[in-house]
C-alpha atoms as a PDB file:
ATOM      1  CA  UNK A   1      95.195 103.407 126.090  1.00  0.00           C
ATOM      2  CA  UNK A   2      95.325 104.727 122.462  1.00  0.00           C
ATOM      3  CA  UNK A   3      92.458 107.698 122.524  1.00  0.00           C
ATOM      4  CA  UNK A   4      89.960 106.973 118.875  1.00  0.00           C
ATOM      5  CA  UNK A   5      88.790 110.488 118.977  1.00  0.00           C
ATOM      6  CA  UNK A   6      93.059 111.629 118.408  1.00  0.00           C
ATOM      7  CA  UNK A   7      93.230 109.042 115.711  1.00  0.00           C
ATOM      8  CA  UNK A   8      89.643 109.165 114.191  1.00  0.00           C
ATOM      9  CA  UNK A   9      90.204 113.332 113.978  1.00  0.00           C
ATOM     10  CA  UNK A  10      93.942 112.695 113.012  1.00  0.00           C
ATOM     11  CA  UNK A  11      95.396 116.104 111.513  1.00  0.00           C
ATOM     12  CA  UNK A  12      97.810 114.627 109.381  1.00  0.00           C
ATOM     13  CA  UNK A  13      97.957 111.355 107.228  1.00  0.00           C
ATOM     14  CA  UNK A  14      99.338 108.521 108.982  1.00  0.00           C
ATOM     15  CA  UNK A  15     100.554 104.975 107.312  1.00  0.00           C
ATOM     16  CA  UNK A  16      98.694 101.712 108.500  1.00  0.00           C
ATOM     17  CA  UNK A  17     101.325  99.048 107.553  1.00  0.00           C
ATOM     18  CA  UNK A  18      99.392  95.569 105.856  1.00  0.00           C
ATOM     19  CA  UNK A  19     100.052  92.444 108.071  1.00  0.00           C
ATOM     20  CA  UNK A  20      98.689  89.558 105.540  1.00  0.00           C
ATOM     21  CA  UNK A  21      98.048  86.273 107.182  1.00  0.00           C
ATOM     22  CA  UNK A  22      97.415  84.682 104.173  1.00  0.00           C
ATOM     23  CA  UNK A  23      98.565  81.967 101.767  1.00  0.00           C
ATOM     24  CA  UNK A  24      97.180  83.688  99.333  1.00  0.00           C
ATOM     25  CA  UNK A  25      97.439  87.223  98.966  1.00  0.00           C
ATOM     26  CA  UNK A  26      98.503  88.952  95.823  1.00  0.00           C
ATOM     27  CA  UNK A  27     101.395  90.350  97.078  1.00  0.00           C
ATOM     28  CA  UNK A  28     102.981  88.673  99.864  1.00  0.00           C
ATOM     29  CA  UNK A  29     100.922  85.293 100.570  1.00  0.00           C
ATOM     30  CA  UNK A  30     102.565  83.018 102.765  1.00  0.00           C
ATOM     31  CA  UNK A  31     105.279  85.078 103.616  1.00  0.00           C
ATOM     32  CA  UNK A  32     103.663  85.883 107.683  1.00  0.00           C
ATOM     33  CA  UNK A  33     102.174  82.668 107.932  1.00  0.00           C
ATOM     34  CA  UNK A  34     104.499  81.619 110.594  1.00  0.00           C
ATOM     35  CA  UNK A  35     103.026  83.242 113.765  1.00  0.00           C
ATOM     36  CA  UNK A  36     106.824  84.388 115.380  1.00  0.00           C
ATOM     37  CA  UNK A  37     107.302  85.896 111.574  1.00  0.00           C
ATOM     38  CA  UNK A  38     104.019  87.606 111.594  1.00  0.00           C
ATOM     39  CA  UNK A  39     104.607  89.463 115.183  1.00  0.00           C
ATOM     40  CA  UNK A  40     107.988  90.014 113.728  1.00  0.00           C
ATOM     41  CA  UNK A  41     106.787  91.563 110.528  1.00  0.00           C
ATOM     42  CA  UNK A  42     104.356  93.995 112.638  1.00  0.00           C
ATOM     43  CA  UNK A  43     107.066  94.933 114.771  1.00  0.00           C
ATOM     44  CA  UNK A  44     109.375  95.648 111.852  1.00  0.00           C
ATOM     45  CA  UNK A  45     106.695  97.841 110.664  1.00  0.00           C
ATOM     46  CA  UNK A  46     105.824  99.919 113.696  1.00  0.00           C
ATOM     47  CA  UNK A  47     109.619 100.567 113.991  1.00  0.00           C
ATOM     48  CA  UNK A  48     109.537 101.762 110.144  1.00  0.00           C
ATOM     49  CA  UNK A  49     107.275 104.233 111.146  1.00  0.00           C
ATOM     50  CA  UNK A  50     103.613 102.538 110.894  1.00  0.00           C
ATOM     51  CA  UNK A  51     101.094 104.361 112.829  1.00  0.00           C
ATOM     52  CA  UNK A  52      98.658 101.309 112.507  1.00  0.00           C
ATOM     53  CA  UNK A  53      99.258  97.161 111.934  1.00  0.00           C
ATOM     54  CA  UNK A  54      95.850  96.160 109.814  1.00  0.00           C
ATOM     55  CA  UNK A  55      96.255  92.017 110.489  1.00  0.00           C
ATOM     56  CA  UNK A  56      94.075  90.271 107.836  1.00  0.00           C
ATOM     57  CA  UNK A  57      94.324  86.445 107.620  1.00  0.00           C
ATOM     58  CA  UNK A  58      91.680  85.910 104.570  1.00  0.00           C
ATOM     59  CA  UNK A  59      92.803  86.962 100.529  1.00  0.00           C
ATOM     60  CA  UNK A  60      90.571  89.560  99.420  1.00  0.00           C
ATOM     61  CA  UNK A  61      91.961  88.701  95.625  1.00  0.00           C
ATOM     62  CA  UNK A  62      89.817  87.823  93.396  1.00  0.00           C
ATOM     63  CA  UNK A  63      89.020  84.246  92.866  1.00  0.00           C
ATOM     64  CA  UNK A  64      90.167  83.800  96.543  1.00  0.00           C
ATOM     65  CA  UNK A  65      88.782  81.380  98.436  1.00  0.00           C
ATOM     66  CA  UNK A  66      87.172  82.178 101.895  1.00  0.00           C
ATOM     67  CA  UNK A  67      89.315  80.895 105.143  1.00  0.00           C
ATOM     68  CA  UNK A  68      87.067  78.924 108.097  1.00  0.00           C
ATOM     69  CA  UNK A  69      86.426  80.710 110.448  1.00  0.00           C
ATOM     70  CA  UNK A  70      88.557  78.557 112.952  1.00  0.00           C
ATOM     71  CA  UNK A  71      91.449  79.457 110.957  1.00  0.00           C
ATOM     72  CA  UNK A  72      90.655  83.095 110.713  1.00  0.00           C
ATOM     73  CA  UNK A  73      90.264  83.681 114.625  1.00  0.00           C
ATOM     74  CA  UNK A  74      93.667  81.456 114.949  1.00  0.00           C
ATOM     75  CA  UNK A  75      95.469  83.479 112.861  1.00  0.00           C
ATOM     76  CA  UNK A  76      93.854  87.076 114.271  1.00  0.00           C
ATOM     77  CA  UNK A  77      94.031  86.380 117.729  1.00  0.00           C
ATOM     78  CA  UNK A  78      98.098  85.341 118.002  1.00  0.00           C
ATOM     79  CA  UNK A  79      98.663  88.485 116.183  1.00  0.00           C
ATOM     80  CA  UNK A  80      96.823  90.909 117.794  1.00  0.00           C
ATOM     81  CA  UNK A  81      98.128  88.705 121.210  1.00  0.00           C
ATOM     82  CA  UNK A  82     101.874  89.520 119.879  1.00  0.00           C
ATOM     83  CA  UNK A  83     101.482  93.131 119.064  1.00  0.00           C
ATOM     84  CA  UNK A  84      99.239  94.759 121.678  1.00  0.00           C
ATOM     85  CA  UNK A  85     102.281  93.677 124.250  1.00  0.00           C
ATOM     86  CA  UNK A  86     104.795  96.230 122.004  1.00  0.00           C
ATOM     87  CA  UNK A  87     102.117  98.285 122.009  1.00  0.00           C
ATOM     88  CA  UNK A  88     100.492  98.530 118.082  1.00  0.00           C
ATOM     89  CA  UNK A  89      97.535 100.404 117.511  1.00  0.00           C
ATOM     90  CA  UNK A  90      95.955  97.514 116.062  1.00  0.00           C
ATOM     91  CA  UNK A  91      93.088  97.636 113.042  1.00  0.00           C
ATOM     92  CA  UNK A  92      91.751  93.990 112.054  1.00  0.00           C
ATOM     93  CA  UNK A  93      90.955  93.427 108.293  1.00  0.00           C
ATOM     94  CA  UNK A  94      87.878  91.361 108.472  1.00  0.00           C
ATOM     95  CA  UNK A  95      84.377  90.343 107.620  1.00  0.00           C
ATOM     96  CA  UNK A  96      83.411  88.316 110.404  1.00  0.00           C
ATOM     97  CA  UNK A  97      81.371  89.650 113.387  1.00  0.00           C
ATOM     98  CA  UNK A  98      83.075  86.504 115.207  1.00  0.00           C
ATOM     99  CA  UNK A  99      86.734  87.580 114.560  1.00  0.00           C
ATOM    100  CA  UNK A 100      86.321  91.271 115.039  1.00  0.00           C
ATOM    101  CA  UNK A 101      84.505  90.396 118.790  1.00  0.00           C
ATOM    102  CA  UNK A 102      87.592  88.410 119.842  1.00  0.00           C
ATOM    103  CA  UNK A 103      90.592  90.845 118.206  1.00  0.00           C
ATOM    104  CA  UNK A 104      88.165  93.786 120.104  1.00  0.00           C
ATOM    105  CA  UNK A 105      88.376  91.998 123.101  1.00  0.00           C
ATOM    106  CA  UNK A 106      92.209  91.153 123.035  1.00  0.00           C
ATOM    107  CA  UNK A 107      93.075  94.736 122.730  1.00  0.00           C
ATOM    108  CA  UNK A 108      92.416  95.728 118.580  1.00  0.00           C
ATOM    109  CA  UNK A 109      91.044  99.461 118.376  1.00  0.00           C
ATOM    110  CA  UNK A 110      89.839  99.195 114.699  1.00  0.00           C
ATOM    111  CA  UNK A 111      87.640  96.916 112.538  1.00  0.00           C
ATOM    112  CA  UNK A 112      88.432  97.337 108.643  1.00  0.00           C
ATOM    113  CA  UNK A 113      85.678  95.583 107.019  1.00  0.00           C
ATOM    114  CA  UNK A 114      86.060  95.215 103.229  1.00  0.00           C
ATOM    115  CA  UNK A 115      82.524  94.490 102.780  1.00  0.00           C
ATOM    116  CA  UNK A 116      81.739  97.929 104.786  1.00  0.00           C
ATOM    117  CA  UNK A 117      78.913  95.788 106.924  1.00  0.00           C
ATOM    118  CA  UNK A 118      77.235  93.884 103.861  1.00  0.00           C
ATOM    119  CA  UNK A 119      78.530  90.275 104.039  1.00  0.00           C
ATOM    120  CA  UNK A 120      77.963  89.613 108.217  1.00  0.00           C
ATOM    121  CA  UNK A 121      75.451  91.805 109.428  1.00  0.00           C
ATOM    122  CA  UNK A 122      76.061  91.260 112.548  1.00  0.00           C
ATOM    123  CA  UNK A 123      79.662  92.925 112.153  1.00  0.00           C
ATOM    124  CA  UNK A 124      77.932  96.483 112.684  1.00  0.00           C
ATOM    125  CA  UNK A 125      76.503  95.820 115.695  1.00  0.00           C
ATOM    126  CA  UNK A 126      79.528  94.291 117.345  1.00  0.00           C
ATOM    127  CA  UNK A 127      81.275  97.133 116.320  1.00  0.00           C
ATOM    128  CA  UNK A 128      78.480  99.030 117.715  1.00  0.00           C
ATOM    129  CA  UNK A 129      78.980  97.126 121.516  1.00  0.00           C
ATOM    130  CA  UNK A 130      83.084  98.280 121.198  1.00  0.00           C
ATOM    131  CA  UNK A 131      84.435 101.484 121.867  1.00  0.00           C
ATOM    132  CA  UNK A 132      86.552 101.071 118.587  1.00  0.00           C
ATOM    133  CA  UNK A 133      86.450 102.881 115.249  1.00  0.00           C
ATOM    134  CA  UNK A 134      85.084 101.041 112.278  1.00  0.00           C
ATOM    135  CA  UNK A 135      86.303 101.185 108.472  1.00  0.00           C
ATOM    136  CA  UNK A 136      84.005 100.845 106.101  1.00  0.00           C
ATOM    137  CA  UNK A 137      84.652 100.504 102.362  1.00  0.00           C
ATOM    138  CA  UNK A 138      83.075 100.163  99.056  1.00  0.00           C
ATOM    139  CA  UNK A 139      82.779  97.261  97.058  1.00  0.00           C
ATOM    140  CA  UNK A 140      80.473  95.314  94.964  1.00  0.00           C
ATOM    141  CA  UNK A 141      81.732  91.854  95.115  1.00  0.00           C
ATOM    142  CA  UNK A 142      79.657  90.423  98.393  1.00  0.00           C
ATOM    143  CA  UNK A 143      76.913  93.408  97.455  1.00  0.00           C
ATOM    144  CA  UNK A 144      76.065  91.665  93.907  1.00  0.00           C
ATOM    145  CA  UNK A 145      75.007  88.432  96.398  1.00  0.00           C
ATOM    146  CA  UNK A 146      77.222  86.195  96.169  1.00  0.00           C
ATOM    147  CA  UNK A 147      76.158  82.413  95.997  1.00  0.00           C
ATOM    148  CA  UNK A 148      79.345  80.657  96.019  1.00  0.00           C
ATOM    149  CA  UNK A 149      82.520  80.880  97.720  1.00  0.00           C
ATOM    150  CA  UNK A 150      83.907  83.564  95.533  1.00  0.00           C
ATOM    151  CA  UNK A 151      82.581  86.863  95.418  1.00  0.00           C
ATOM    152  CA  UNK A 152      80.967  88.004  92.043  1.00  0.00           C
ATOM    153  CA  UNK A 153      83.439  89.186  89.705  1.00  0.00           C
ATOM    154  CA  UNK A 154      80.743  91.032  86.656  1.00  0.00           C
ATOM    155  CA  UNK A 155      81.028  94.603  89.554  1.00  0.00           C
ATOM    156  CA  UNK A 156      82.364  97.290  87.258  1.00  0.00           C
ATOM    157  CA  UNK A 157      79.626  98.784  85.642  1.00  0.00           C
ATOM    158  CA  UNK A 158      79.144 102.249  87.001  1.00  0.00           C
ATOM    159  CA  UNK A 159      76.306 103.974  84.950  1.00  0.00           C
ATOM    160  CA  UNK A 160      76.877 107.357  86.311  1.00  0.00           C
ATOM    161  CA  UNK A 161      80.103 107.408  86.535  1.00  0.00           C
ATOM    162  CA  UNK A 162      82.897 105.731  89.051  1.00  0.00           C
ATOM    163  CA  UNK A 163      83.166 108.665  91.166  1.00  0.00           C
ATOM    164  CA  UNK A 164      79.461 109.232  91.577  1.00  0.00           C
ATOM    165  CA  UNK A 165      77.865 105.419  91.978  1.00  0.00           C
ATOM    166  CA  UNK A 166      81.072 104.599  94.918  1.00  0.00           C
ATOM    167  CA  UNK A 167      80.432 107.495  96.629  1.00  0.00           C
ATOM    168  CA  UNK A 168      76.205 107.244  96.602  1.00  0.00           C
ATOM    169  CA  UNK A 169      77.063 102.991  97.649  1.00  0.00           C
ATOM    170  CA  UNK A 170      79.066 104.112 100.195  1.00  0.00           C
ATOM    171  CA  UNK A 171      76.827 106.459 102.172  1.00  0.00           C
ATOM    172  CA  UNK A 172      74.475 104.319 101.616  1.00  0.00           C
ATOM    173  CA  UNK A 173      76.248 101.246 103.661  1.00  0.00           C
ATOM    174  CA  UNK A 174      77.398 104.560 106.564  1.00  0.00           C
ATOM    175  CA  UNK A 175      73.547 105.057 106.655  1.00  0.00           C
ATOM    176  CA  UNK A 176      73.152 101.138 107.344  1.00  0.00           C
ATOM    177  CA  UNK A 177      75.639 101.187 109.877  1.00  0.00           C
ATOM    178  CA  UNK A 178      74.464 104.036 111.471  1.00  0.00           C
ATOM    179  CA  UNK A 179      71.037 102.524 111.667  1.00  0.00           C
ATOM    180  CA  UNK A 180      72.863  99.620 113.764  1.00  0.00           C
ATOM    181  CA  UNK A 181      74.148 101.541 116.341  1.00  0.00           C
ATOM    182  CA  UNK A 182      77.838 102.987 115.493  1.00  0.00           C
ATOM    183  CA  UNK A 183      78.288 106.773 116.223  1.00  0.00           C
ATOM    184  CA  UNK A 184      79.647 108.556 113.458  1.00  0.00           C
ATOM    185  CA  UNK A 185      82.281 109.377 115.210  1.00  0.00           C
ATOM    186  CA  UNK A 186      83.706 106.448 115.136  1.00  0.00           C
ATOM    187  CA  UNK A 187      83.183 105.901 111.202  1.00  0.00           C
ATOM    188  CA  UNK A 188      86.231 106.012 108.805  1.00  0.00           C
ATOM    189  CA  UNK A 189      85.241 105.377 105.159  1.00  0.00           C
ATOM    190  CA  UNK A 190      87.374 103.829 102.064  1.00  0.00           C
ATOM    191  CA  UNK A 191      86.409 104.170  98.757  1.00  0.00           C
ATOM    192  CA  UNK A 192      87.803 100.910  97.897  1.00  0.00           C
ATOM    193  CA  UNK A 193      90.409 101.215  95.573  1.00  0.00           C
ATOM    194  CA  UNK A 194      91.076  97.372  93.598  1.00  0.00           C
ATOM    195  CA  UNK A 195      87.235  96.260  94.475  1.00  0.00           C
ATOM    196  CA  UNK A 196      85.274  96.049  91.958  1.00  0.00           C
ATOM    197  CA  UNK A 197      87.655  98.446  89.926  1.00  0.00           C
ATOM    198  CA  UNK A 198      90.060  96.498  88.261  1.00  0.00           C
ATOM    199  CA  UNK A 199      91.674  99.562  85.803  1.00  0.00           C
ATOM    200  CA  UNK A 200      93.315 102.309  85.482  1.00  0.00           C
ATOM    201  CA  UNK A 201      89.881 104.541  84.590  1.00  0.00           C
ATOM    202  CA  UNK A 202      88.214 102.751  88.050  1.00  0.00           C
ATOM    203  CA  UNK A 203      90.772 104.053  90.494  1.00  0.00           C
ATOM    204  CA  UNK A 204      91.659 107.297  89.500  1.00  0.00           C
ATOM    205  CA  UNK A 205      88.705 109.154  89.042  1.00  0.00           C
ATOM    206  CA  UNK A 206      88.204 108.252  92.806  1.00  0.00           C
ATOM    207  CA  UNK A 207      91.812 109.430  93.583  1.00  0.00           C
ATOM    208  CA  UNK A 208      91.746 112.497  91.523  1.00  0.00           C
ATOM    209  CA  UNK A 209      88.105 112.711  93.422  1.00  0.00           C
ATOM    210  CA  UNK A 210      89.616 112.508  96.970  1.00  0.00           C
ATOM    211  CA  UNK A 211      87.718 115.752  98.014  1.00  0.00           C
ATOM    212  CA  UNK A 212      84.499 114.725  97.402  1.00  0.00           C
ATOM    213  CA  UNK A 213      84.858 111.558  99.639  1.00  0.00           C
ATOM    214  CA  UNK A 214      86.778 114.321 102.276  1.00  0.00           C
ATOM    215  CA  UNK A 215      83.199 116.560 101.880  1.00  0.00           C
ATOM    216  CA  UNK A 216      80.908 113.771 103.478  1.00  0.00           C
ATOM    217  CA  UNK A 217      82.848 114.665 106.929  1.00  0.00           C
ATOM    218  CA  UNK A 218      84.409 110.897 107.064  1.00  0.00           C
ATOM    219  CA  UNK A 219      87.783 110.514 107.531  1.00  0.00           C
ATOM    220  CA  UNK A 220      88.837 108.565 103.961  1.00  0.00           C
ATOM    221  CA  UNK A 221      91.579 105.924 104.209  1.00  0.00           C
ATOM    222  CA  UNK A 222      93.195 105.031 100.504  1.00  0.00           C
ATOM    223  CA  UNK A 223      94.300 101.498 100.053  1.00  0.00           C
ATOM    224  CA  UNK A 224      96.548 101.712  96.858  1.00  0.00           C
ATOM    225  CA  UNK A 225      99.586  99.784  97.619  1.00  0.00           C
ATOM    226  CA  UNK A 226     100.135  97.277  95.138  1.00  0.00           C
ATOM    227  CA  UNK A 227      97.444  97.594  93.059  1.00  0.00           C
ATOM    228  CA  UNK A 228      96.466  96.200  90.021  1.00  0.00           C
ATOM    229  CA  UNK A 229      96.163  99.264  87.758  1.00  0.00           C
ATOM    230  CA  UNK A 230      99.731 100.767  89.460  1.00  0.00           C
ATOM    231  CA  UNK A 231     100.952  98.032  87.124  1.00  0.00           C
ATOM    232  CA  UNK A 232      98.484  99.231  83.981  1.00  0.00           C
ATOM    233  CA  UNK A 233      99.599 103.218  84.386  1.00  0.00           C
ATOM    234  CA  UNK A 234     103.739 101.337  84.769  1.00  0.00           C
ATOM    235  CA  UNK A 235     103.158  99.025  81.117  1.00  0.00           C
ATOM    236  CA  UNK A 236     100.986 102.076  79.677  1.00  0.00           C
ATOM    237  CA  UNK A 237     104.087 103.799  80.142  1.00  0.00           C
ATOM    238  CA  UNK A 238     106.206 101.591  78.752  1.00  0.00           C
ATOM    239  CA  UNK A 239     107.401  99.152  81.611  1.00  0.00           C
ATOM    240  CA  UNK A 240     105.406  96.300  80.847  1.00  0.00           C
ATOM    241  CA  UNK A 241     106.504  93.790  83.710  1.00  0.00           C
ATOM    242  CA  UNK A 242     107.233  96.241  86.904  1.00  0.00           C
ATOM    243  CA  UNK A 243     109.320  95.007  89.711  1.00  0.00           C
ATOM    244  CA  UNK A 244     107.413  94.848  93.133  1.00  0.00           C
ATOM    245  CA  UNK A 245     110.299  98.112  93.803  1.00  0.00           C
ATOM    246  CA  UNK A 246     108.637  99.910  91.034  1.00  0.00           C
ATOM    247  CA  UNK A 247     105.348  99.539  92.209  1.00  0.00           C
ATOM    248  CA  UNK A 248     106.524 100.552  95.904  1.00  0.00           C
ATOM    249  CA  UNK A 249     107.478 103.580  94.245  1.00  0.00           C
ATOM    250  CA  UNK A 250     103.868 104.034  92.549  1.00  0.00           C
ATOM    251  CA  UNK A 251     102.020 103.695  95.686  1.00  0.00           C
ATOM    252  CA  UNK A 252     104.502 105.807  97.973  1.00  0.00           C
ATOM    253  CA  UNK A 253     104.027 108.804  95.131  1.00  0.00           C
ATOM    254  CA  UNK A 254     100.232 108.437  95.347  1.00  0.00           C
ATOM    255  CA  UNK A 255     100.618 108.046  99.331  1.00  0.00           C
ATOM    256  CA  UNK A 256     102.627 111.658  99.229  1.00  0.00           C
ATOM    257  CA  UNK A 257      99.204 112.719  96.602  1.00  0.00           C
ATOM    258  CA  UNK A 258      96.896 111.252  99.748  1.00  0.00           C
ATOM    259  CA  UNK A 259      98.568 113.154 102.287  1.00  0.00           C
ATOM    260  CA  UNK A 260      98.781 116.570 100.408  1.00  0.00           C
ATOM    261  CA  UNK A 261      95.044 115.897  99.308  1.00  0.00           C
ATOM    262  CA  UNK A 262      94.353 115.354 102.763  1.00  0.00           C
ATOM    263  CA  UNK A 263      93.673 111.338 103.214  1.00  0.00           C
ATOM    264  CA  UNK A 264      93.584 110.448 106.852  1.00  0.00           C
ATOM    265  CA  UNK A 265      95.371 107.345 106.000  1.00  0.00           C
ATOM    266  CA  UNK A 266      97.262 105.405 103.854  1.00  0.00           C
ATOM    267  CA  UNK A 267      97.254 101.735 103.700  1.00  0.00           C
ATOM    268  CA  UNK A 268     100.628 100.020 102.325  1.00  0.00           C
ATOM    269  CA  UNK A 269     102.832  96.938 102.257  1.00  0.00           C
ATOM    270  CA  UNK A 270     106.373  98.926 101.982  1.00  0.00           C
ATOM    271  CA  UNK A 271     106.028 100.705 105.054  1.00  0.00           C
ATOM    272  CA  UNK A 272     109.032 102.699 104.958  1.00  0.00           C
ATOM    273  CA  UNK A 273     108.796 104.382 101.286  1.00  0.00           C
ATOM    274  CA  UNK A 274     105.546 105.640 102.037  1.00  0.00           C
ATOM    275  CA  UNK A 275     106.765 106.757 105.660  1.00  0.00           C
ATOM    276  CA  UNK A 276     109.401 109.467 104.033  1.00  0.00           C
ATOM    277  CA  UNK A 277     106.506 110.151 100.708  1.00  0.00           C
ATOM    278  CA  UNK A 278     103.759 111.067 103.635  1.00  0.00           C
ATOM    279  CA  UNK A 279     105.750 113.028 105.342  1.00  0.00           C
ATOM    280  CA  UNK A 280     106.530 115.086 102.331  1.00  0.00           C
ATOM    281  CA  UNK A 281     102.685 115.513 101.471  1.00  0.00           C
ATOM    282  CA  UNK A 282     101.787 116.083 105.108  1.00  0.00           C
ATOM    283  CA  UNK A 283     104.550 119.015 105.101  1.00  0.00           C
ATOM    284  CA  UNK A 284     103.231 120.564 101.487  1.00  0.00           C
ATOM    285  CA  UNK A 285      99.840 120.441 103.045  1.00  0.00           C
ATOM    286  CA  UNK A 286     100.708 122.042 105.905  1.00  0.00           C
ATOM    287  CA  UNK A 287     102.409 124.899 103.718  1.00  0.00           C
ATOM    288  CA  UNK A 288     100.079 125.213 101.523  1.00  0.00           C
ATOM    289  CA  UNK A 289      97.455 126.496 104.016  1.00  0.00           C
ATOM    290  CA  UNK A 290      99.493 128.676 105.575  1.00  0.00           C
ATOM    291  CA  UNK A 291     100.306 130.231 102.032  1.00  0.00           C
ATOM    292  CA  UNK A 292      96.398 130.218 101.481  1.00  0.00           C
ATOM    293  CA  UNK A 293      96.023 132.383 105.133  1.00  0.00           C
END
C-alpha cells in the first residue's frame, strides 16, 4: 500500500514515466496500443527507475480528436489491472470522472487532470470521494469553452506575462477543486508546459520561475518531455531537425535542473536518461542546502 502523504511530501524529485495508450500522441502514438505491449512498457519503465507510471489513453496534442469514453475506460482499466500486481504506483492521465473512478477502484493512486478540473466538473468530486493524489494542471484550451471535439487553439496571449497569468489562473483552479472537497494535502500542481504555450517564450519563464509555483506550498510536477519548445531551442542553435535522442537529451537536462530547483517530479518518456539526470539534480540540491547551513 502506497503511503500517499509520503508520496505527496517526497523530499527528492521523483521520475514519472509516460505510458501513452493512444493512436496519435505526438512522439509515441500507436506504440503501446496492444495491452501486452503497454503492460510490458510499464514494467520496463519501472525497471529503468520510474517511481510513478502515468497512464493516458487520450492524446492531448494540438488538434487531437477525443476518444470515446468506452475506449478510454477499456485502455486505462486494462493497464491498471496489469500493472497493479507488479507494484506500480499509478497516475491516471484523464479528464473524465468515470475513467478516474474506475482506475481508482482498480488500484491507481493519482489522478492527473490536464484540464485542472475544468473539463468534467464531476472529476474533482470523484477525487474527493477517494483517498488519492490529484494533479491540477494549467491549460487554457478547455477553459476557453471549446464547442467541438478539439480544444481551442488561440489561447497563448498572456496579458500580464506568462508566469504571472499561469500562476494566478492555476491558483484559481486550485481554489475550485478545494471547494469541491479535495484536501490541500492531496493536491499537486503543474504549470502545463506546452499546453496553451507553444513557444520558447511561453515555457522557459515557467521553468525559470519554478520557485514561484513552489512558493504556493504545493508540490510541483514538471512535464517538459519532448515538447515542441525543446525542438525550437535546438533549431535556434543550429540543430534544425533534432532527433528523438537529442530531444530526450534536452529533456534530461531540464530534469536535472528541475530536480536541483525542487520539483516534486518530472514526467518523461525516456525514464533511464531522466533517472540519471534527476539523481544528479537531487544531489546538487542536497549539497547546496548543506553548504548554505
